[in-house]
C-alpha atoms as a PDB file:
ATOM      1  CA  MET A   1     114.294  28.933   8.929  1.00  0.00           C
ATOM      2  CA  TRP A   2     115.606  32.438   8.778  1.00  0.00           C
ATOM      3  CA  ASN A   3     112.311  33.911  10.010  1.00  0.00           C
ATOM      4  CA  LYS A   4     112.814  31.870  13.171  1.00  0.00           C
ATOM      5  CA  ILE A   5     116.141  33.466  14.216  1.00  0.00           C
ATOM      6  CA  ARG A   6     116.384  37.082  15.342  1.00  0.00           C
ATOM      7  CA  THR A   7     118.868  39.465  16.877  1.00  0.00           C
ATOM      8  CA  GLY A   8     118.317  42.440  19.057  1.00  0.00           C
ATOM      9  CA  HIS A   9     120.447  45.377  20.208  1.00  0.00           C
ATOM     10  CA  GLY A  10     120.042  47.477  23.396  1.00  0.00           C
ATOM     11  CA  TYR A  11     121.715  50.476  24.945  1.00  0.00           C
ATOM     12  CA  ASP A  12     121.368  52.238  28.222  1.00  0.00           C
ATOM     13  CA  ALA A  13     123.282  54.853  30.240  1.00  0.00           C
ATOM     14  CA  HIS A  14     122.810  56.330  33.679  1.00  0.00           C
ATOM     15  CA  ARG A  15     124.501  59.234  35.466  1.00  0.00           C
ATOM     16  CA  PHE A  16     126.082  58.873  38.895  1.00  0.00           C
ATOM     17  CA  ALA A  17     124.559  60.727  41.808  1.00  0.00           C
ATOM     18  CA  ASP A  18     127.027  62.955  43.725  1.00  0.00           C
ATOM     19  CA  SER A  19     127.205  60.293  46.452  1.00  0.00           C
ATOM     20  CA  LEU A  20     125.659  57.023  47.490  1.00  0.00           C
ATOM     21  CA  ILE A  21     121.873  57.422  47.839  1.00  0.00           C
ATOM     22  CA  ALA A  22     120.401  55.890  50.946  1.00  0.00           C
ATOM     23  CA  ASP A  23     118.804  52.499  50.199  1.00  0.00           C
ATOM     24  CA  LYS A  24     120.043  52.670  46.546  1.00  0.00           C
ATOM     25  CA  PRO A  25     123.235  50.629  46.106  1.00  0.00           C
ATOM     26  CA  PHE A  26     125.198  50.649  42.831  1.00  0.00           C
ATOM     27  CA  VAL A  27     123.895  47.649  40.845  1.00  0.00           C
ATOM     28  CA  LEU A  28     124.976  46.356  37.413  1.00  0.00           C
ATOM     29  CA  GLY A  29     124.158  43.034  35.903  1.00  0.00           C
ATOM     30  CA  GLY A  30     121.991  42.136  38.940  1.00  0.00           C
ATOM     31  CA  VAL A  31     125.090  42.418  41.206  1.00  0.00           C
ATOM     32  CA  THR A  32     125.680  44.975  43.935  1.00  0.00           C
ATOM     33  CA  ILE A  33     129.056  46.582  43.508  1.00  0.00           C
ATOM     34  CA  GLU A  34     130.832  48.521  46.210  1.00  0.00           C
ATOM     35  CA  HIS A  35     131.113  52.155  45.093  1.00  0.00           C
ATOM     36  CA  ASP A  36     130.871  55.584  46.602  1.00  0.00           C
ATOM     37  CA  LYS A  37     127.999  56.614  44.237  1.00  0.00           C
ATOM     38  CA  SER A  38     124.577  55.399  43.167  1.00  0.00           C
ATOM     39  CA  LEU A  39     123.171  55.653  39.647  1.00  0.00           C
ATOM     40  CA  LEU A  40     120.360  58.134  39.119  1.00  0.00           C
ATOM     41  CA  ALA A  41     117.276  56.348  37.806  1.00  0.00           C
ATOM     42  CA  HIS A  42     113.560  55.747  38.533  1.00  0.00           C
ATOM     43  CA  SER A  43     114.357  52.077  39.064  1.00  0.00           C
ATOM     44  CA  ASP A  44     117.449  50.624  40.659  1.00  0.00           C
ATOM     45  CA  GLY A  45     119.455  52.036  37.681  1.00  0.00           C
ATOM     46  CA  ASP A  46     120.880  48.705  36.484  1.00  0.00           C
ATOM     47  CA  ALA A  47     121.972  49.906  33.026  1.00  0.00           C
ATOM     48  CA  VAL A  48     123.182  46.374  32.063  1.00  0.00           C
ATOM     49  CA  ILE A  49     119.781  44.798  32.629  1.00  0.00           C
ATOM     50  CA  HIS A  50     118.028  47.796  30.985  1.00  0.00           C
ATOM     51  CA  ALA A  51     120.109  47.435  27.799  1.00  0.00           C
ATOM     52  CA  LEU A  52     119.503  43.639  27.864  1.00  0.00           C
ATOM     53  CA  CYS A  53     115.720  44.141  28.204  1.00  0.00           C
ATOM     54  CA  ASP A  54     115.784  46.550  25.238  1.00  0.00           C
ATOM     55  CA  ALA A  55     117.747  44.000  23.155  1.00  0.00           C
ATOM     56  CA  LEU A  56     115.312  41.209  23.949  1.00  0.00           C
ATOM     57  CA  LEU A  57     112.239  43.361  23.412  1.00  0.00           C
ATOM     58  CA  GLY A  58     113.676  44.637  20.114  1.00  0.00           C
ATOM     59  CA  ALA A  59     114.306  41.076  18.941  1.00  0.00           C
ATOM     60  CA  ILE A  60     110.660  40.177  19.431  1.00  0.00           C
ATOM     61  CA  GLY A  61     109.410  43.473  18.019  1.00  0.00           C
ATOM     62  CA  ARG A  62     107.858  44.730  21.278  1.00  0.00           C
ATOM     63  CA  GLY A  63     109.444  48.192  21.507  1.00  0.00           C
ATOM     64  CA  ASP A  64     111.585  49.132  24.408  1.00  0.00           C
ATOM     65  CA  ILE A  65     111.774  49.023  28.173  1.00  0.00           C
ATOM     66  CA  GLY A  66     110.125  52.425  28.599  1.00  0.00           C
ATOM     67  CA  ARG A  67     107.050  51.216  26.743  1.00  0.00           C
ATOM     68  CA  HIS A  68     106.487  48.355  29.122  1.00  0.00           C
ATOM     69  CA  PHE A  69     107.889  49.764  32.410  1.00  0.00           C
ATOM     70  CA  PRO A  70     107.513  53.591  32.191  1.00  0.00           C
ATOM     71  CA  ASP A  71     109.428  55.832  34.558  1.00  0.00           C
ATOM     72  CA  THR A  72     106.161  57.697  35.139  1.00  0.00           C
ATOM     73  CA  ASP A  73     104.664  54.662  36.899  1.00  0.00           C
ATOM     74  CA  ALA A  74     105.213  54.595  40.690  1.00  0.00           C
ATOM     75  CA  ALA A  75     105.048  50.772  40.552  1.00  0.00           C
ATOM     76  CA  TYR A  76     108.559  50.758  39.077  1.00  0.00           C
ATOM     77  CA  SER A  77     110.154  53.252  41.548  1.00  0.00           C
ATOM     78  CA  ASN A  78     113.361  51.708  42.776  1.00  0.00           C
ATOM     79  CA  ILE A  79     112.328  48.306  41.467  1.00  0.00           C
ATOM     80  CA  ASP A  80     114.915  45.568  41.165  1.00  0.00           C
ATOM     81  CA  SER A  81     115.594  45.454  37.415  1.00  0.00           C
ATOM     82  CA  GLY A  82     115.972  41.686  37.611  1.00  0.00           C
ATOM     83  CA  LYS A  83     112.168  41.584  38.012  1.00  0.00           C
ATOM     84  CA  LEU A  84     111.828  43.544  34.767  1.00  0.00           C
ATOM     85  CA  LEU A  85     114.153  41.145  32.959  1.00  0.00           C
ATOM     86  CA  GLN A  86     112.112  38.187  34.127  1.00  0.00           C
ATOM     87  CA  LYS A  87     108.935  39.821  32.813  1.00  0.00           C
ATOM     88  CA  VAL A  88     110.621  40.403  29.479  1.00  0.00           C
ATOM     89  CA  CYS A  89     111.709  36.759  29.370  1.00  0.00           C
ATOM     90  CA  ALA A  90     108.112  35.765  29.992  1.00  0.00           C
ATOM     91  CA  PHE A  91     107.174  37.735  26.812  1.00  0.00           C
ATOM     92  CA  LEU A  92     109.685  35.614  24.904  1.00  0.00           C
ATOM     93  CA  GLN A  93     108.232  32.428  26.389  1.00  0.00           C
ATOM     94  CA  GLU A  94     104.672  33.478  25.398  1.00  0.00           C
ATOM     95  CA  GLU A  95     105.857  33.555  21.777  1.00  0.00           C
ATOM     96  CA  GLN A  96     108.041  30.444  22.043  1.00  0.00           C
ATOM     97  CA  TRP A  97     111.340  32.287  21.599  1.00  0.00           C
ATOM     98  CA  LEU A  98     114.478  30.894  23.231  1.00  0.00           C
ATOM     99  CA  ILE A  99     117.621  32.799  24.004  1.00  0.00           C
ATOM    100  CA  GLY A 100     120.650  31.596  22.087  1.00  0.00           C
ATOM    101  CA  ASN A 101     123.104  34.000  23.726  1.00  0.00           C
ATOM    102  CA  VAL A 102     123.577  37.465  25.083  1.00  0.00           C
ATOM    103  CA  ASP A 103     126.663  39.626  24.782  1.00  0.00           C
ATOM    104  CA  LEU A 104     126.995  42.710  26.922  1.00  0.00           C
ATOM    105  CA  THR A 105     129.545  45.532  27.048  1.00  0.00           C
ATOM    106  CA  ILE A 106     129.862  47.835  30.012  1.00  0.00           C
ATOM    107  CA  LEU A 107     131.689  51.150  29.638  1.00  0.00           C
ATOM    108  CA  ALA A 108     132.814  52.459  32.987  1.00  0.00           C
ATOM    109  CA  GLN A 109     135.903  54.375  34.078  1.00  0.00           C
ATOM    110  CA  ALA A 110     135.207  53.497  37.697  1.00  0.00           C
ATOM    111  CA  PRO A 111     134.699  51.233  39.484  1.00  0.00           C
ATOM    112  CA  ARG A 112     136.553  48.356  37.970  1.00  0.00           C
ATOM    113  CA  MET A 113     134.175  45.798  36.591  1.00  0.00           C
ATOM    114  CA  ALA A 114     136.545  42.814  36.132  1.00  0.00           C
ATOM    115  CA  PRO A 115     136.109  41.444  39.666  1.00  0.00           C
ATOM    116  CA  HIS A 116     132.281  41.341  39.131  1.00  0.00           C
ATOM    117  CA  ILE A 117     132.001  39.842  35.653  1.00  0.00           C
ATOM    118  CA  ASP A 118     131.588  36.221  36.650  1.00  0.00           C
ATOM    119  CA  ALA A 119     128.934  37.056  39.266  1.00  0.00           C
ATOM    120  CA  MET A 120     127.115  39.134  36.618  1.00  0.00           C
ATOM    121  CA  CYS A 121     127.107  36.262  34.156  1.00  0.00           C
ATOM    122  CA  ALA A 122     125.862  33.852  36.796  1.00  0.00           C
ATOM    123  CA  ARG A 123     123.066  36.210  37.991  1.00  0.00           C
ATOM    124  CA  LEU A 124     121.899  37.204  34.501  1.00  0.00           C
ATOM    125  CA  ALA A 125     121.742  33.492  33.484  1.00  0.00           C
ATOM    126  CA  GLN A 126     119.739  32.707  36.615  1.00  0.00           C
ATOM    127  CA  LEU A 127     117.249  35.551  35.887  1.00  0.00           C
ATOM    128  CA  MET A 128     116.782  34.424  32.259  1.00  0.00           C
ATOM    129  CA  SER A 129     116.782  30.648  33.111  1.00  0.00           C
ATOM    130  CA  ILE A 130     119.627  29.951  30.688  1.00  0.00           C
ATOM    131  CA  THR A 131     123.161  28.676  31.211  1.00  0.00           C
ATOM    132  CA  LYS A 132     126.024  30.861  32.285  1.00  0.00           C
ATOM    133  CA  GLU A 133     127.816  29.849  29.030  1.00  0.00           C
ATOM    134  CA  GLN A 134     125.051  31.697  27.079  1.00  0.00           C
ATOM    135  CA  VAL A 135     125.923  35.037  28.800  1.00  0.00           C
ATOM    136  CA  ASN A 136     129.009  37.070  28.021  1.00  0.00           C
ATOM    137  CA  VAL A 137     129.815  40.292  29.901  1.00  0.00           C
ATOM    138  CA  LYS A 138     132.832  42.382  29.091  1.00  0.00           C
ATOM    139  CA  ALA A 139     133.948  45.781  30.275  1.00  0.00           C
ATOM    140  CA  SER A 140     136.036  48.689  28.999  1.00  0.00           C
ATOM    141  CA  THR A 141     136.887  52.225  29.812  1.00  0.00           C
ATOM    142  CA  THR A 142     136.818  55.178  27.445  1.00  0.00           C
ATOM    143  CA  GLU A 143     140.370  56.163  28.229  1.00  0.00           C
ATOM    144  CA  GLY A 144     139.219  59.333  30.032  1.00  0.00           C
ATOM    145  CA  MET A 145     137.042  60.521  27.158  1.00  0.00           C
ATOM    146  CA  GLY A 146     133.337  61.638  27.417  1.00  0.00           C
ATOM    147  CA  PHE A 147     130.988  61.415  30.361  1.00  0.00           C
ATOM    148  CA  VAL A 148     132.085  57.852  31.129  1.00  0.00           C
ATOM    149  CA  GLY A 149     135.765  58.890  31.071  1.00  0.00           C
ATOM    150  CA  ARG A 150     134.996  61.810  33.461  1.00  0.00           C
ATOM    151  CA  LYS A 151     133.355  59.268  35.799  1.00  0.00           C
ATOM    152  CA  GLU A 152     129.955  60.833  35.432  1.00  0.00           C
ATOM    153  CA  GLY A 153     128.154  57.630  34.718  1.00  0.00           C
ATOM    154  CA  VAL A 154     128.135  54.320  32.939  1.00  0.00           C
ATOM    155  CA  GLU A 155     126.832  53.034  29.618  1.00  0.00           C
ATOM    156  CA  THR A 156     126.065  49.611  28.388  1.00  0.00           C
ATOM    157  CA  TYR A 157     125.428  47.827  25.108  1.00  0.00           C
ATOM    158  CA  ALA A 158     123.630  44.455  24.578  1.00  0.00           C
ATOM    159  CA  VAL A 159     123.254  42.118  21.692  1.00  0.00           C
ATOM    160  CA  VAL A 160     121.060  39.049  21.789  1.00  0.00           C
ATOM    161  CA  LEU A 161     120.311  36.087  19.523  1.00  0.00           C
ATOM    162  CA  ILE A 162     116.983  34.382  19.915  1.00  0.00           C
ATOM    163  CA  TYR A 163     115.364  31.522  18.021  1.00  0.00           C
ATOM    164  CA  LYS A 164     111.998  29.790  17.823  1.00  0.00           C
ATOM    165  CA  ALA A 165     111.698  26.751  19.997  1.00  0.00           C
ATOM    166  CA  ASP A 166     110.880  24.408  17.137  1.00  0.00           C
ATOM    167  CA  VAL A 167     114.166  25.083  15.304  1.00  0.00           C
ATOM    168  CA  PRO A 168     116.704  22.305  16.050  1.00  0.00           C
ATOM    169  CA  VAL A 169     119.944  23.486  17.455  1.00  0.00           C
END
């Protein structure tokens, strides 16, 4: 049975642009958040989804997000990261893995994440075709320390549990 249960861990961070980039809103967890800056990235910069993709890919032993969706490929320029997450979930389905739960931590000094957590949980669950109860998002600051504390960007951590479809729950 133990070879049919796996965990994965993911991490991502993105710097803020000096201001809001035209046609590039600040997006985390698939939710657009009002802020005066955008995240610098080849895609939409959704560090929450990027960390989640890495965790899921790691759990199934398929490398990381850069291996599947390289920032050198114009096809992924400004792409909605939700589409990347759906492709990663398709990889899980191909191998008959199901998602048990995902646990995400956002580190951001600004903007405040608390008002957006429920919407993130709902959106991520929808993208992964799981229940909202299987998704946990929490946020913290770094008490003014480091690049996050200086409001230079955000970082996120993701942990996932997956299991083979033929394992009774």
